[in-house]
Every structure is written in C-alpha cells, then in structure tokens.
Amino acid sequence: MTEEQTGAWVGDRVWDEEAGREGIVSDMRGDGTYLLREVHAWSLTWTALNADKLTVTVPREERIKRDRKA
C-alpha cells in the first residue's frame, strides 16, 4: 500500500459501535461491507455496513505480535 492506511483493514481487531461488540475484520467486500468474526471463535460472524462505526482497537501487526508471544 503506498498511502497511509486509514480505518479498519483485514486482520485488525475492531470495536463495532452498531453491533456493540469487538471482532476481527476477516474480509472486505467490494461494496464496502466488512465481514467480522468473533475474537475468540471463528464460527460467529457478522457484517458491518458502515466503516465509520468501526474503531481499530488492535492493529493486525500488533495482534500478531501478541499472539506469537502467548
């Protein structure tokens, strides 16, 4: 990516204001929809239609570093 990243990206841990819960971005669709999954379970997923309602709590790179240390 040549520009500074803004907003949530795949792999980021985010707070979804509309859903009232935290998740990890697992996909971004072409129509701007974000697919999120539960932090500790792959089976629970939901979509976020408004990127403005997502707040990055742990960027992907930091999350990976934490997981490797655990």
C-alpha atoms as a PDB file:
ATOM      1  CA  MET A   1       0.000   0.000   0.000  1.00  0.00           C
ATOM      2  CA  THR A   2       1.517   3.300  -0.990  1.00  0.00           C
ATOM      3  CA  GLU A   3      -0.709   5.602   1.051  1.00  0.00           C
ATOM      4  CA  GLU A   4      -1.105   5.802   4.814  1.00  0.00           C
ATOM      5  CA  GLN A   5      -3.784   3.319   5.889  1.00  0.00           C
ATOM      6  CA  THR A   6      -6.871   4.845   7.436  1.00  0.00           C
ATOM      7  CA  GLY A   7      -9.708   2.943   9.039  1.00  0.00           C
ATOM      8  CA  ALA A   8     -10.046  -0.781   9.610  1.00  0.00           C
ATOM      9  CA  TRP A   9      -8.295  -3.343   7.444  1.00  0.00           C
ATOM     10  CA  VAL A  10      -8.312  -7.151   7.235  1.00  0.00           C
ATOM     11  CA  GLY A  11      -6.780  -8.634  10.382  1.00  0.00           C
ATOM     12  CA  ASP A  12      -7.439  -5.605  12.584  1.00  0.00           C
ATOM     13  CA  ARG A  13      -9.280  -6.068  15.869  1.00  0.00           C
ATOM     14  CA  VAL A  14     -12.103  -3.519  15.945  1.00  0.00           C
ATOM     15  CA  TRP A  15     -14.967  -2.260  18.078  1.00  0.00           C
ATOM     16  CA  ASP A  16     -18.229  -2.299  16.110  1.00  0.00           C
ATOM     17  CA  GLU A  17     -20.326   0.532  17.534  1.00  0.00           C
ATOM     18  CA  GLU A  18     -23.529  -0.619  15.820  1.00  0.00           C
ATOM     19  CA  ALA A  19     -23.243  -4.234  16.981  1.00  0.00           C
ATOM     20  CA  GLY A  20     -21.888  -3.269  20.402  1.00  0.00           C
ATOM     21  CA  ARG A  21     -19.094  -5.840  20.316  1.00  0.00           C
ATOM     22  CA  GLU A  22     -15.492  -6.414  19.367  1.00  0.00           C
ATOM     23  CA  GLY A  23     -14.382  -8.510  16.420  1.00  0.00           C
ATOM     24  CA  ILE A  24     -11.660  -9.093  13.868  1.00  0.00           C
ATOM     25  CA  VAL A  25     -12.031  -7.964  10.259  1.00  0.00           C
ATOM     26  CA  SER A  26     -11.861 -11.132   8.169  1.00  0.00           C
ATOM     27  CA  ASP A  27     -12.871  -9.723   4.771  1.00  0.00           C
ATOM     28  CA  MET A  28     -13.735  -6.510   2.972  1.00  0.00           C
ATOM     29  CA  ARG A  29     -16.161  -6.807   0.108  1.00  0.00           C
ATOM     30  CA  GLY A  30     -16.179  -4.663  -2.990  1.00  0.00           C
ATOM     31  CA  ASP A  31     -19.392  -2.911  -1.938  1.00  0.00           C
ATOM     32  CA  GLY A  32     -17.717  -1.578   1.238  1.00  0.00           C
ATOM     33  CA  THR A  33     -19.159  -4.205   3.570  1.00  0.00           C
ATOM     34  CA  TYR A  34     -16.844  -5.537   6.277  1.00  0.00           C
ATOM     35  CA  LEU A  35     -17.124  -9.163   7.375  1.00  0.00           C
ATOM     36  CA  LEU A  36     -16.239  -9.501  11.064  1.00  0.00           C
ATOM     37  CA  ARG A  37     -15.681 -12.564  13.222  1.00  0.00           C
ATOM     38  CA  GLU A  38     -15.798 -13.064  16.962  1.00  0.00           C
ATOM     39  CA  VAL A  39     -12.413 -12.505  18.628  1.00  0.00           C
ATOM     40  CA  HIS A  40     -12.157 -15.976  20.173  1.00  0.00           C
ATOM     41  CA  ALA A  41     -14.394 -18.011  17.860  1.00  0.00           C
ATOM     42  CA  TRP A  42     -14.352 -18.393  14.074  1.00  0.00           C
ATOM     43  CA  SER A  43     -17.938 -19.621  13.876  1.00  0.00           C
ATOM     44  CA  LEU A  44     -19.681 -16.368  14.834  1.00  0.00           C
ATOM     45  CA  THR A  45     -19.565 -13.766  12.053  1.00  0.00           C
ATOM     46  CA  TRP A  46     -21.476 -10.615  11.183  1.00  0.00           C
ATOM     47  CA  THR A  47     -21.294  -7.787   8.691  1.00  0.00           C
ATOM     48  CA  ALA A  48     -20.703  -4.089   9.228  1.00  0.00           C
ATOM     49  CA  LEU A  49     -22.127  -1.792   6.597  1.00  0.00           C
ATOM     50  CA  ASN A  50     -20.691   1.456   7.962  1.00  0.00           C
ATOM     51  CA  ALA A  51     -16.901   1.691   8.233  1.00  0.00           C
ATOM     52  CA  ASP A  52     -17.298   4.912  10.218  1.00  0.00           C
ATOM     53  CA  LYS A  53     -18.755   2.834  13.074  1.00  0.00           C
ATOM     54  CA  LEU A  54     -15.633   0.638  13.313  1.00  0.00           C
ATOM     55  CA  THR A  55     -12.802   1.670  15.625  1.00  0.00           C
ATOM     56  CA  VAL A  56      -9.477  -0.185  15.441  1.00  0.00           C
ATOM     57  CA  THR A  57      -8.584  -1.404  18.950  1.00  0.00           C
ATOM     58  CA  VAL A  58      -5.553  -3.520  17.986  1.00  0.00           C
ATOM     59  CA  PRO A  59      -3.933  -3.238  14.545  1.00  0.00           C
ATOM     60  CA  ARG A  60      -3.174  -6.507  12.746  1.00  0.00           C
ATOM     61  CA  GLU A  61       0.592  -6.251  13.221  1.00  0.00           C
ATOM     62  CA  GLU A  62       0.272  -5.739  16.990  1.00  0.00           C
ATOM     63  CA  ARG A  63      -2.278  -8.553  17.297  1.00  0.00           C
ATOM     64  CA  ILE A  64       0.075 -10.980  15.519  1.00  0.00           C
ATOM     65  CA  LYS A  65       2.975  -9.994  17.811  1.00  0.00           C
ATOM     66  CA  ARG A  66       0.784 -10.595  20.884  1.00  0.00           C
ATOM     67  CA  ASP A  67      -0.407 -13.971  19.583  1.00  0.00           C
ATOM     68  CA  ARG A  68       3.165 -15.124  18.935  1.00  0.00           C
ATOM     69  CA  LYS A  69       4.226 -14.234  22.481  1.00  0.00           C
ATOM     70  CA  ALA A  70       1.310 -16.164  24.035  1.00  0.00           C
END
